[in-house]
PDB file of all heavy atoms in Angstrom:
ATOM      1  N   LEU A   1      35.850   8.637  44.978  1.00  0.00           N
ATOM      2  CA  LEU A   1      35.937   7.217  44.611  1.00  0.00           C
ATOM      3  C   LEU A   1      36.039   6.368  45.886  1.00  0.00           C
ATOM      4  O   LEU A   1      36.829   6.696  46.760  1.00  0.00           O
ATOM      5  CB  LEU A   1      37.169   6.929  43.729  1.00  0.00           C
ATOM      6  CG  LEU A   1      37.267   7.635  42.363  1.00  0.00           C
ATOM      7  CD1 LEU A   1      38.601   7.356  41.713  1.00  0.00           C
ATOM      8  CD2 LEU A   1      36.113   7.186  41.465  1.00  0.00           C
ATOM      9  N   PRO A   2      35.256   5.307  45.941  1.00  0.00           N
ATOM     10  CA  PRO A   2      35.458   4.376  47.064  1.00  0.00           C
ATOM     11  C   PRO A   2      36.705   3.559  46.856  1.00  0.00           C
ATOM     12  O   PRO A   2      37.205   3.346  45.748  1.00  0.00           O
ATOM     13  CB  PRO A   2      34.180   3.534  46.978  1.00  0.00           C
ATOM     14  CG  PRO A   2      33.848   3.509  45.552  1.00  0.00           C
ATOM     15  CD  PRO A   2      34.200   4.885  45.008  1.00  0.00           C
ATOM     16  N   SER A   3      37.209   3.007  47.928  1.00  0.00           N
ATOM     17  CA  SER A   3      38.417   2.172  47.885  1.00  0.00           C
ATOM     18  C   SER A   3      38.058   0.783  47.382  1.00  0.00           C
ATOM     19  O   SER A   3      37.113   0.152  47.824  1.00  0.00           O
ATOM     20  CB  SER A   3      39.043   2.095  49.259  1.00  0.00           C
ATOM     21  OG  SER A   3      40.169   1.251  49.239  1.00  0.00           O
ATOM     22  N   LEU A   4      38.810   0.326  46.377  1.00  0.00           N
ATOM     23  CA  LEU A   4      38.662  -1.019  45.806  1.00  0.00           C
ATOM     24  C   LEU A   4      40.039  -1.729  45.819  1.00  0.00           C
ATOM     25  O   LEU A   4      41.007  -1.160  45.260  1.00  0.00           O
ATOM     26  CB  LEU A   4      38.097  -0.995  44.415  1.00  0.00           C
ATOM     27  CG  LEU A   4      36.650  -0.540  44.216  1.00  0.00           C
ATOM     28  CD1 LEU A   4      36.273  -0.534  42.724  1.00  0.00           C
ATOM     29  CD2 LEU A   4      35.672  -1.404  45.024  1.00  0.00           C
ATOM     30  N   ASP A   5      40.123  -2.918  46.410  1.00  0.00           N
ATOM     31  CA  ASP A   5      41.399  -3.607  46.468  1.00  0.00           C
ATOM     32  C   ASP A   5      41.934  -3.920  45.089  1.00  0.00           C
ATOM     33  O   ASP A   5      43.132  -3.870  44.847  1.00  0.00           O
ATOM     34  CB  ASP A   5      41.216  -4.930  47.255  1.00  0.00           C
ATOM     35  CG  ASP A   5      40.928  -4.630  48.734  1.00  0.00           C
ATOM     36  OD1 ASP A   5      41.294  -3.553  49.226  1.00  0.00           O
ATOM     37  OD2 ASP A   5      40.358  -5.534  49.395  1.00  0.00           O
ATOM     38  N   LYS A   6      41.042  -4.249  44.147  1.00  0.00           N
ATOM     39  CA  LYS A   6      41.502  -4.633  42.812  1.00  0.00           C
ATOM     40  C   LYS A   6      41.818  -3.398  41.960  1.00  0.00           C
ATOM     41  O   LYS A   6      42.405  -3.533  40.883  1.00  0.00           O
ATOM     42  CB  LYS A   6      40.462  -5.479  42.113  1.00  0.00           C
ATOM     43  CG  LYS A   6      39.118  -4.798  41.897  1.00  0.00           C
ATOM     44  CD  LYS A   6      38.121  -5.697  41.191  1.00  0.00           C
ATOM     45  CE  LYS A   6      36.796  -5.004  40.986  1.00  0.00           C
ATOM     46  NZ  LYS A   6      35.812  -5.904  40.275  1.00  0.00           N
ATOM     47  N   CYS A   7      41.436  -2.201  42.416  1.00  0.00           N
ATOM     48  CA  CYS A   7      41.722  -0.972  41.661  1.00  0.00           C
ATOM     49  C   CYS A   7      42.295   0.065  42.620  1.00  0.00           C
ATOM     50  O   CYS A   7      41.681   1.108  42.920  1.00  0.00           O
ATOM     51  CB  CYS A   7      40.443  -0.431  41.001  1.00  0.00           C
ATOM     52  SG  CYS A   7      39.646  -1.558  39.886  1.00  0.00           S
ATOM     53  N   PRO A   8      43.522  -0.135  43.121  1.00  0.00           N
ATOM     54  CA  PRO A   8      44.115   0.819  44.083  1.00  0.00           C
ATOM     55  C   PRO A   8      44.439   2.175  43.420  1.00  0.00           C
ATOM     56  O   PRO A   8      44.712   2.227  42.188  1.00  0.00           O
ATOM     57  CB  PRO A   8      45.383   0.100  44.537  1.00  0.00           C
ATOM     58  CG  PRO A   8      45.758  -0.804  43.409  1.00  0.00           C
ATOM     59  CD  PRO A   8      44.459  -1.254  42.793  1.00  0.00           C
ATOM     60  N   ILE A   9      44.357   3.209  44.200  1.00  0.00           N
ATOM     61  CA  ILE A   9      44.716   4.545  43.734  1.00  0.00           C
ATOM     62  C   ILE A   9      46.138   4.819  44.191  1.00  0.00           C
ATOM     63  O   ILE A   9      46.402   4.985  45.375  1.00  0.00           O
ATOM     64  CB  ILE A   9      43.763   5.589  44.283  1.00  0.00           C
ATOM     65  CG1 ILE A   9      42.302   5.272  43.869  1.00  0.00           C
ATOM     66  CG2 ILE A   9      44.128   7.006  43.820  1.00  0.00           C
ATOM     67  CD1 ILE A   9      41.261   6.131  44.526  1.00  0.00           C
ATOM     68  N   ALA A  10      47.057   4.898  43.253  1.00  0.00           N
ATOM     69  CA  ALA A  10      48.482   5.065  43.563  1.00  0.00           C
ATOM     70  C   ALA A  10      49.049   6.267  42.848  1.00  0.00           C
ATOM     71  O   ALA A  10      48.657   6.542  41.676  1.00  0.00           O
ATOM     72  CB  ALA A  10      49.284   3.822  43.216  1.00  0.00           C
ATOM     73  N   VAL A  11      49.948   7.002  43.493  1.00  0.00           N
ATOM     74  CA  VAL A  11      50.578   8.142  42.887  1.00  0.00           C
ATOM     75  C   VAL A  11      51.505   7.705  41.758  1.00  0.00           C
ATOM     76  O   VAL A  11      52.253   6.740  41.904  1.00  0.00           O
ATOM     77  CB  VAL A  11      51.402   8.919  43.962  1.00  0.00           C
ATOM     78  CG1 VAL A  11      52.175  10.052  43.331  1.00  0.00           C
ATOM     79  CG2 VAL A  11      50.505   9.432  45.052  1.00  0.00           C
ATOM     80  N   GLY A  12      51.407   8.421  40.645  1.00  0.00           N
ATOM     81  CA  GLY A  12      52.280   8.088  39.526  1.00  0.00           C
ATOM     82  C   GLY A  12      51.830   6.917  38.686  1.00  0.00           C
ATOM     83  O   GLY A  12      52.609   6.398  37.899  1.00  0.00           O
ATOM     84  N   LYS A  13      50.576   6.504  38.837  1.00  0.00           N
ATOM     85  CA  LYS A  13      50.044   5.368  38.050  1.00  0.00           C
ATOM     86  C   LYS A  13      48.645   5.686  37.578  1.00  0.00           C
ATOM     87  O   LYS A  13      47.943   6.487  38.226  1.00  0.00           O
ATOM     88  CB  LYS A  13      50.047   4.098  38.908  1.00  0.00           C
ATOM     89  CG  LYS A  13      51.434   3.614  39.303  1.00  0.00           C
ATOM     90  CD  LYS A  13      51.352   2.287  40.070  1.00  0.00           C
ATOM     91  CE  LYS A  13      52.785   1.777  40.385  1.00  0.00           C
ATOM     92  NZ  LYS A  13      52.684   0.494  41.140  1.00  0.00           N
ATOM     93  N   PRO A  14      48.212   5.038  36.494  1.00  0.00           N
ATOM     94  CA  PRO A  14      46.840   5.268  36.043  1.00  0.00           C
ATOM     95  C   PRO A  14      45.816   4.694  37.053  1.00  0.00           C
ATOM     96  O   PRO A  14      46.095   3.672  37.709  1.00  0.00           O
ATOM     97  CB  PRO A  14      46.777   4.485  34.723  1.00  0.00           C
ATOM     98  CG  PRO A  14      48.199   4.287  34.316  1.00  0.00           C
ATOM     99  CD  PRO A  14      48.978   4.211  35.591  1.00  0.00           C
ATOM    100  N   VAL A  15      44.699   5.394  37.203  1.00  0.00           N
ATOM    101  CA  VAL A  15      43.648   4.927  38.062  1.00  0.00           C
ATOM    102  C   VAL A  15      42.643   4.155  37.192  1.00  0.00           C
ATOM    103  O   VAL A  15      41.953   4.705  36.362  1.00  0.00           O
ATOM    104  CB  VAL A  15      42.949   6.105  38.759  1.00  0.00           C
ATOM    105  CG1 VAL A  15      41.823   5.608  39.656  1.00  0.00           C
ATOM    106  CG2 VAL A  15      43.957   6.961  39.559  1.00  0.00           C
ATOM    107  N   ASN A  16      42.603   2.877  37.454  1.00  0.00           N
ATOM    108  CA  ASN A  16      41.686   1.992  36.618  1.00  0.00           C
ATOM    109  C   ASN A  16      40.379   1.713  37.335  1.00  0.00           C
ATOM    110  O   ASN A  16      39.825   0.598  37.202  1.00  0.00           O
ATOM    111  CB  ASN A  16      42.417   0.681  36.291  1.00  0.00           C
ATOM    112  CG  ASN A  16      43.657   0.896  35.414  1.00  0.00           C
ATOM    113  OD1 ASN A  16      43.583   1.638  34.450  1.00  0.00           O
ATOM    114  ND2 ASN A  16      44.724   0.257  35.740  1.00  0.00           N
ATOM    115  N   HIS A  17      39.908   2.655  38.088  1.00  0.00           N
ATOM    116  CA  HIS A  17      38.669   2.500  38.856  1.00  0.00           C
ATOM    117  C   HIS A  17      37.493   2.615  37.900  1.00  0.00           C
ATOM    118  O   HIS A  17      37.366   3.571  37.161  1.00  0.00           O
ATOM    119  CB  HIS A  17      38.601   3.570  39.946  1.00  0.00           C
ATOM    120  CG  HIS A  17      37.723   3.221  41.062  1.00  0.00           C
ATOM    121  ND1 HIS A  17      36.377   3.124  40.966  1.00  0.00           N
ATOM    122  CD2 HIS A  17      38.004   2.993  42.373  1.00  0.00           C
ATOM    123  CE1 HIS A  17      35.832   2.826  42.141  1.00  0.00           C
ATOM    124  NE2 HIS A  17      36.814   2.697  43.023  1.00  0.00           N
ATOM    125  N   PRO A  18      36.547   1.647  37.932  1.00  0.00           N
ATOM    126  CA  PRO A  18      35.416   1.739  37.017  1.00  0.00           C
ATOM    127  C   PRO A  18      34.527   2.962  37.232  1.00  0.00           C
ATOM    128  O   PRO A  18      33.975   3.522  36.275  1.00  0.00           O
ATOM    129  CB  PRO A  18      34.610   0.445  37.295  1.00  0.00           C
ATOM    130  CG  PRO A  18      35.072   0.004  38.636  1.00  0.00           C
ATOM    131  CD  PRO A  18      36.458   0.460  38.779  1.00  0.00           C
ATOM    132  N   GLU A  19      34.431   3.408  38.445  1.00  0.00           N
ATOM    133  CA  GLU A  19      33.584   4.607  38.740  1.00  0.00           C
ATOM    134  C   GLU A  19      34.186   5.885  38.189  1.00  0.00           C
ATOM    135  O   GLU A  19      33.486   6.807  37.904  1.00  0.00           O
ATOM    136  CB  GLU A  19      33.270   4.689  40.228  1.00  0.00           C
ATOM    137  CG  GLU A  19      32.434   3.546  40.776  1.00  0.00           C
ATOM    138  CD  GLU A  19      31.973   3.757  42.189  1.00  0.00           C
ATOM    139  OE1 GLU A  19      32.163   4.892  42.699  1.00  0.00           O
ATOM    140  OE2 GLU A  19      31.437   2.828  42.789  1.00  0.00           O
ATOM    141  N   LEU A  20      35.516   5.900  38.071  1.00  0.00           N
ATOM    142  CA  LEU A  20      36.183   7.071  37.518  1.00  0.00           C
ATOM    143  C   LEU A  20      35.792   7.261  36.068  1.00  0.00           C
ATOM    144  O   LEU A  20      35.551   8.405  35.618  1.00  0.00           O
ATOM    145  CB  LEU A  20      37.696   6.923  37.626  1.00  0.00           C
ATOM    146  CG  LEU A  20      38.525   8.132  37.050  1.00  0.00           C
ATOM    147  CD1 LEU A  20      38.271   9.392  37.846  1.00  0.00           C
ATOM    148  CD2 LEU A  20      40.008   7.804  37.054  1.00  0.00           C
ATOM    149  N   ARG A  21      35.651   6.183  35.296  1.00  0.00           N
ATOM    150  CA  ARG A  21      35.256   6.300  33.915  1.00  0.00           C
ATOM    151  C   ARG A  21      33.845   6.881  33.792  1.00  0.00           C
ATOM    152  O   ARG A  21      33.542   7.707  32.917  1.00  0.00           O
ATOM    153  CB  ARG A  21      35.328   4.920  33.241  1.00  0.00           C
ATOM    154  CG  ARG A  21      36.781   4.385  33.102  1.00  0.00           C
ATOM    155  CD  ARG A  21      36.826   3.219  32.171  1.00  0.00           C
ATOM    156  NE  ARG A  21      36.098   2.063  32.690  1.00  0.00           N
ATOM    157  CZ  ARG A  21      36.633   1.122  33.472  1.00  0.00           C
ATOM    158  NH1 ARG A  21      37.901   1.250  33.843  1.00  0.00           N
ATOM    159  NH2 ARG A  21      35.925   0.104  33.885  1.00  0.00           N
ATOM    160  N   HIS A  22      32.935   6.410  34.630  1.00  0.00           N
ATOM    161  CA  HIS A  22      31.570   6.946  34.627  1.00  0.00           C
ATOM    162  C   HIS A  22      31.549   8.444  34.947  1.00  0.00           C
ATOM    163  O   HIS A  22      30.818   9.202  34.321  1.00  0.00           O
ATOM    164  CB  HIS A  22      30.683   6.179  35.604  1.00  0.00           C
ATOM    165  CG  HIS A  22      30.532   4.716  35.281  1.00  0.00           C
ATOM    166  ND1 HIS A  22      30.246   3.748  36.202  1.00  0.00           N
ATOM    167  CD2 HIS A  22      30.621   4.053  34.060  1.00  0.00           C
ATOM    168  CE1 HIS A  22      30.184   2.571  35.612  1.00  0.00           C
ATOM    169  NE2 HIS A  22      30.393   2.706  34.328  1.00  0.00           N
ATOM    170  N   CYS A  23      32.332   8.807  35.958  1.00  0.00           N
ATOM    171  CA  CYS A  23      32.352  10.245  36.334  1.00  0.00           C
ATOM    172  C   CYS A  23      32.955  11.080  35.245  1.00  0.00           C
ATOM    173  O   CYS A  23      32.520  12.204  34.980  1.00  0.00           O
ATOM    174  CB  CYS A  23      33.131  10.402  37.668  1.00  0.00           C
ATOM    175  SG  CYS A  23      32.341   9.653  39.115  1.00  0.00           S
ATOM    176  N   PHE A  24      34.010  10.541  34.581  1.00  0.00           N
ATOM    177  CA  PHE A  24      34.627  11.281  33.489  1.00  0.00           C
ATOM    178  C   PHE A  24      33.678  11.445  32.324  1.00  0.00           C
ATOM    179  O   PHE A  24      33.708  12.462  31.621  1.00  0.00           O
ATOM    180  CB  PHE A  24      35.911  10.558  33.043  1.00  0.00           C
ATOM    181  CG  PHE A  24      37.164  10.999  33.755  1.00  0.00           C
ATOM    182  CD1 PHE A  24      37.053  11.788  34.915  1.00  0.00           C
ATOM    183  CD2 PHE A  24      38.422  10.688  33.298  1.00  0.00           C
ATOM    184  CE1 PHE A  24      38.206  12.190  35.562  1.00  0.00           C
ATOM    185  CE2 PHE A  24      39.534  11.102  33.947  1.00  0.00           C
ATOM    186  CZ  PHE A  24      39.450  11.860  35.070  1.00  0.00           C
ATOM    187  N   GLN A  25      32.831  10.437  32.050  1.00  0.00           N
ATOM    188  CA  GLN A  25      31.884  10.580  30.969  1.00  0.00           C
ATOM    189  C   GLN A  25      30.920  11.716  31.209  1.00  0.00           C
ATOM    190  O   GLN A  25      30.649  12.520  30.302  1.00  0.00           O
ATOM    191  CB  GLN A  25      31.120   9.258  30.813  1.00  0.00           C
ATOM    192  CG  GLN A  25      31.917   8.135  30.230  1.00  0.00           C
ATOM    193  CD  GLN A  25      31.198   6.779  30.286  1.00  0.00           C
ATOM    194  OE1 GLN A  25      30.077   6.716  30.753  1.00  0.00           O
ATOM    195  NE2 GLN A  25      31.831   5.751  29.796  1.00  0.00           N
ATOM    196  N   LEU A  26      30.471  11.860  32.458  1.00  0.00           N
ATOM    197  CA  LEU A  26      29.584  12.961  32.807  1.00  0.00           C
ATOM    198  C   LEU A  26      30.341  14.306  32.747  1.00  0.00           C
ATOM    199  O   LEU A  26      29.815  15.317  32.217  1.00  0.00           O
ATOM    200  CB  LEU A  26      29.007  12.765  34.215  1.00  0.00           C
ATOM    201  CG  LEU A  26      28.162  13.874  34.771  1.00  0.00           C
ATOM    202  CD1 LEU A  26      27.002  14.246  33.844  1.00  0.00           C
ATOM    203  CD2 LEU A  26      27.626  13.532  36.148  1.00  0.00           C
ATOM    204  N   LEU A  27      31.551  14.340  33.254  1.00  0.00           N
ATOM    205  CA  LEU A  27      32.346  15.548  33.218  1.00  0.00           C
ATOM    206  C   LEU A  27      32.659  15.997  31.799  1.00  0.00           C
ATOM    207  O   LEU A  27      32.588  17.152  31.473  1.00  0.00           O
ATOM    208  CB  LEU A  27      33.630  15.333  34.002  1.00  0.00           C
ATOM    209  CG  LEU A  27      34.543  16.557  34.219  1.00  0.00           C
ATOM    210  CD1 LEU A  27      33.774  17.683  34.932  1.00  0.00           C
ATOM    211  CD2 LEU A  27      35.788  16.180  35.004  1.00  0.00           C
ATOM    212  N   ASP A  28      32.970  15.039  30.923  1.00  0.00           N
ATOM    213  CA  ASP A  28      33.256  15.330  29.516  1.00  0.00           C
ATOM    214  C   ASP A  28      32.039  15.964  28.859  1.00  0.00           C
ATOM    215  O   ASP A  28      32.153  16.947  28.104  1.00  0.00           O
ATOM    216  CB  ASP A  28      33.712  14.113  28.743  1.00  0.00           C
ATOM    217  CG  ASP A  28      35.111  13.653  29.114  1.00  0.00           C
ATOM    218  OD1 ASP A  28      35.843  14.468  29.754  1.00  0.00           O
ATOM    219  OD2 ASP A  28      35.476  12.521  28.800  1.00  0.00           O
ATOM    220  N   THR A  29      30.871  15.366  29.087  1.00  0.00           N
ATOM    221  CA  THR A  29      29.636  15.893  28.494  1.00  0.00           C
ATOM    222  C   THR A  29      29.327  17.288  29.003  1.00  0.00           C
ATOM    223  O   THR A  29      28.916  18.172  28.233  1.00  0.00           O
ATOM    224  CB  THR A  29      28.459  14.962  28.826  1.00  0.00           C
ATOM    225  OG1 THR A  29      28.739  13.654  28.367  1.00  0.00           O
ATOM    226  CG2 THR A  29      27.204  15.431  28.151  1.00  0.00           C
ATOM    227  N   ALA A  30      29.582  17.524  30.305  1.00  0.00           N
ATOM    228  CA  ALA A  30      29.318  18.849  30.849  1.00  0.00           C
ATOM    229  C   ALA A  30      30.252  19.886  30.204  1.00  0.00           C
ATOM    230  O   ALA A  30      29.843  21.005  29.893  1.00  0.00           O
ATOM    231  CB  ALA A  30      29.504  18.820  32.356  1.00  0.00           C
ATOM    232  N   ARG A  31      31.542  19.534  30.008  1.00  0.00           N
ATOM    233  CA  ARG A  31      32.488  20.465  29.407  1.00  0.00           C
ATOM    234  C   ARG A  31      32.199  20.696  27.930  1.00  0.00           C
ATOM    235  O   ARG A  31      32.437  21.780  27.425  1.00  0.00           O
ATOM    236  CB  ARG A  31      33.895  19.937  29.604  1.00  0.00           C
ATOM    237  CG  ARG A  31      34.321  19.873  31.057  1.00  0.00           C
ATOM    238  CD  ARG A  31      35.698  19.245  31.243  1.00  0.00           C
ATOM    239  NE  ARG A  31      36.739  20.036  30.665  1.00  0.00           N
ATOM    240  CZ  ARG A  31      38.023  19.702  30.644  1.00  0.00           C
ATOM    241  NH1 ARG A  31      38.374  18.556  31.156  1.00  0.00           N
ATOM    242  NH2 ARG A  31      38.921  20.484  30.129  1.00  0.00           N
ATOM    243  N   GLU A  32      31.675  19.678  27.254  1.00  0.00           N
ATOM    244  CA  GLU A  32      31.296  19.857  25.844  1.00  0.00           C
ATOM    245  C   GLU A  32      30.089  20.834  25.738  1.00  0.00           C
ATOM    246  O   GLU A  32      30.029  21.626  24.810  1.00  0.00           O
ATOM    247  CB  GLU A  32      30.971  18.535  25.206  1.00  0.00           C
ATOM    248  CG  GLU A  32      32.181  17.658  24.988  1.00  0.00           C
ATOM    249  CD  GLU A  32      31.788  16.232  24.545  1.00  0.00           C
ATOM    250  OE1 GLU A  32      30.557  16.020  24.357  1.00  0.00           O
ATOM    251  OE2 GLU A  32      32.647  15.373  24.421  1.00  0.00           O
ATOM    252  N   SER A  33      29.188  20.720  26.688  1.00  0.00           N
ATOM    253  CA  SER A  33      28.013  21.595  26.698  1.00  0.00           C
ATOM    254  C   SER A  33      28.361  23.008  27.168  1.00  0.00           C
ATOM    255  O   SER A  33      27.791  23.981  26.642  1.00  0.00           O
ATOM    256  CB  SER A  33      26.945  20.983  27.600  1.00  0.00           C
ATOM    257  OG  SER A  33      25.825  21.862  27.694  1.00  0.00           O
ATOM    258  N   ASP A  34      29.306  23.104  28.084  1.00  0.00           N
ATOM    259  CA  ASP A  34      29.699  24.410  28.643  1.00  0.00           C
ATOM    260  C   ASP A  34      31.189  24.359  29.005  1.00  0.00           C
ATOM    261  O   ASP A  34      31.552  23.643  29.930  1.00  0.00           O
ATOM    262  CB  ASP A  34      28.871  24.712  29.894  1.00  0.00           C
ATOM    263  CG  ASP A  34      29.216  26.044  30.537  1.00  0.00           C
ATOM    264  OD1 ASP A  34      30.040  26.807  29.924  1.00  0.00           O
ATOM    265  OD2 ASP A  34      28.727  26.340  31.626  1.00  0.00           O
ATOM    266  N   PRO A  35      32.049  25.067  28.237  1.00  0.00           N
ATOM    267  CA  PRO A  35      33.476  25.030  28.538  1.00  0.00           C
ATOM    268  C   PRO A  35      33.838  25.495  29.934  1.00  0.00           C
ATOM    269  O   PRO A  35      34.908  25.120  30.468  1.00  0.00           O
ATOM    270  CB  PRO A  35      34.063  25.994  27.480  1.00  0.00           C
ATOM    271  CG  PRO A  35      33.062  26.014  26.386  1.00  0.00           C
ATOM    272  CD  PRO A  35      31.732  25.854  27.027  1.00  0.00           C
ATOM    273  N   ASP A  36      32.938  26.251  30.604  1.00  0.00           N
ATOM    274  CA  ASP A  36      33.181  26.710  31.980  1.00  0.00           C
ATOM    275  C   ASP A  36      32.592  25.786  32.998  1.00  0.00           C
ATOM    276  O   ASP A  36      32.427  26.186  34.181  1.00  0.00           O
ATOM    277  CB  ASP A  36      32.641  28.142  32.138  1.00  0.00           C
ATOM    278  CG  ASP A  36      33.388  29.164  31.296  1.00  0.00           C
ATOM    279  OD1 ASP A  36      34.613  28.957  31.112  1.00  0.00           O
ATOM    280  OD2 ASP A  36      32.802  30.119  30.837  1.00  0.00           O
ATOM    281  N   ALA A  37      32.203  24.570  32.629  1.00  0.00           N
ATOM    282  CA  ALA A  37      31.513  23.688  33.560  1.00  0.00           C
ATOM    283  C   ALA A  37      32.327  23.389  34.774  1.00  0.00           C
ATOM    284  O   ALA A  37      31.779  23.219  35.883  1.00  0.00           O
ATOM    285  CB  ALA A  37      31.124  22.408  32.863  1.00  0.00           C
ATOM    286  N   THR A  38      33.636  23.305  34.632  1.00  0.00           N
ATOM    287  CA  THR A  38      34.501  22.973  35.782  1.00  0.00           C
ATOM    288  C   THR A  38      34.440  24.058  36.859  1.00  0.00           C
ATOM    289  O   THR A  38      34.853  23.825  37.975  1.00  0.00           O
ATOM    290  CB  THR A  38      35.960  22.740  35.352  1.00  0.00           C
ATOM    291  OG1 THR A  38      36.404  23.874  34.607  1.00  0.00           O
ATOM    292  CG2 THR A  38      36.058  21.488  34.517  1.00  0.00           C
ATOM    293  N   HIS A  39      33.977  25.249  36.487  1.00  0.00           N
ATOM    294  CA  HIS A  39      33.903  26.331  37.466  1.00  0.00           C
ATOM    295  C   HIS A  39      32.605  26.278  38.288  1.00  0.00           C
ATOM    296  O   HIS A  39      32.554  26.888  39.357  1.00  0.00           O
ATOM    297  CB  HIS A  39      33.992  27.695  36.748  1.00  0.00           C
ATOM    298  CG  HIS A  39      35.346  27.977  36.178  1.00  0.00           C
ATOM    299  ND1 HIS A  39      36.384  28.547  36.897  1.00  0.00           N
ATOM    300  CD2 HIS A  39      35.862  27.738  34.944  1.00  0.00           C
ATOM    301  CE1 HIS A  39      37.458  28.651  36.169  1.00  0.00           C
ATOM    302  NE2 HIS A  39      37.162  28.178  34.948  1.00  0.00           N
ATOM    303  N   TRP A  40      31.601  25.546  37.812  1.00  0.00           N
ATOM    304  CA  TRP A  40      30.370  25.481  38.627  1.00  0.00           C
ATOM    305  C   TRP A  40      30.074  24.073  39.116  1.00  0.00           C
ATOM    306  O   TRP A  40      29.125  23.821  39.873  1.00  0.00           O
ATOM    307  CB  TRP A  40      29.132  26.013  37.858  1.00  0.00           C
ATOM    308  CG  TRP A  40      28.865  25.446  36.500  1.00  0.00           C
ATOM    309  CD1 TRP A  40      29.197  25.967  35.269  1.00  0.00           C
ATOM    310  CD2 TRP A  40      28.115  24.209  36.200  1.00  0.00           C
ATOM    311  NE1 TRP A  40      28.753  25.179  34.241  1.00  0.00           N
ATOM    312  CE2 TRP A  40      28.089  24.107  34.786  1.00  0.00           C
ATOM    313  CE3 TRP A  40      27.514  23.229  36.980  1.00  0.00           C
ATOM    314  CZ2 TRP A  40      27.437  23.051  34.151  1.00  0.00           C
ATOM    315  CZ3 TRP A  40      26.879  22.171  36.343  1.00  0.00           C
ATOM    316  CH2 TRP A  40      26.836  22.092  34.962  1.00  0.00           C
ATOM    317  N   ILE A  41      30.930  23.098  38.732  1.00  0.00           N
ATOM    318  CA  ILE A  41      30.793  21.749  39.275  1.00  0.00           C
ATOM    319  C   ILE A  41      31.724  21.604  40.490  1.00  0.00           C
ATOM    320  O   ILE A  41      32.940  21.748  40.330  1.00  0.00           O
ATOM    321  CB  ILE A  41      31.101  20.672  38.207  1.00  0.00           C
ATOM    322  CG1 ILE A  41      30.139  20.747  37.050  1.00  0.00           C
ATOM    323  CG2 ILE A  41      31.073  19.263  38.835  1.00  0.00           C
ATOM    324  CD1 ILE A  41      30.446  19.797  35.901  1.00  0.00           C
ATOM    325  N   GLU A  42      31.174  21.279  41.603  1.00  0.00           N
ATOM    326  CA  GLU A  42      31.944  21.076  42.808  1.00  0.00           C
ATOM    327  C   GLU A  42      32.510  19.659  42.931  1.00  0.00           C
ATOM    328  O   GLU A  42      33.674  19.455  43.189  1.00  0.00           O
ATOM    329  CB  GLU A  42      31.110  21.394  44.038  1.00  0.00           C
ATOM    330  CG  GLU A  42      31.797  21.075  45.390  1.00  0.00           C
ATOM    331  CD  GLU A  42      33.005  21.940  45.664  1.00  0.00           C
ATOM    332  OE1 GLU A  42      33.120  23.028  45.064  1.00  0.00           O
ATOM    333  OE2 GLU A  42      33.847  21.532  46.489  1.00  0.00           O
ATOM    334  N   SER A  43      31.650  18.663  42.732  1.00  0.00           N
ATOM    335  CA  SER A  43      32.091  17.291  42.877  1.00  0.00           C
ATOM    336  C   SER A  43      31.180  16.363  42.098  1.00  0.00           C
ATOM    337  O   SER A  43      30.052  16.715  41.741  1.00  0.00           O
ATOM    338  CB  SER A  43      32.117  16.873  44.341  1.00  0.00           C
ATOM    339  OG  SER A  43      30.819  16.911  44.910  1.00  0.00           O
TER     340      SER A  43
END
């Protein structure tokens, strides 16, 4: 994730970064298609 002043990444708080939602959508789809997707996805 790139650094955004309006969406800081802080420990112990939700990350409201817009790019995180897009990445999660792709990751969710990959896991639905293959439960082992997290083992072959690097980044």
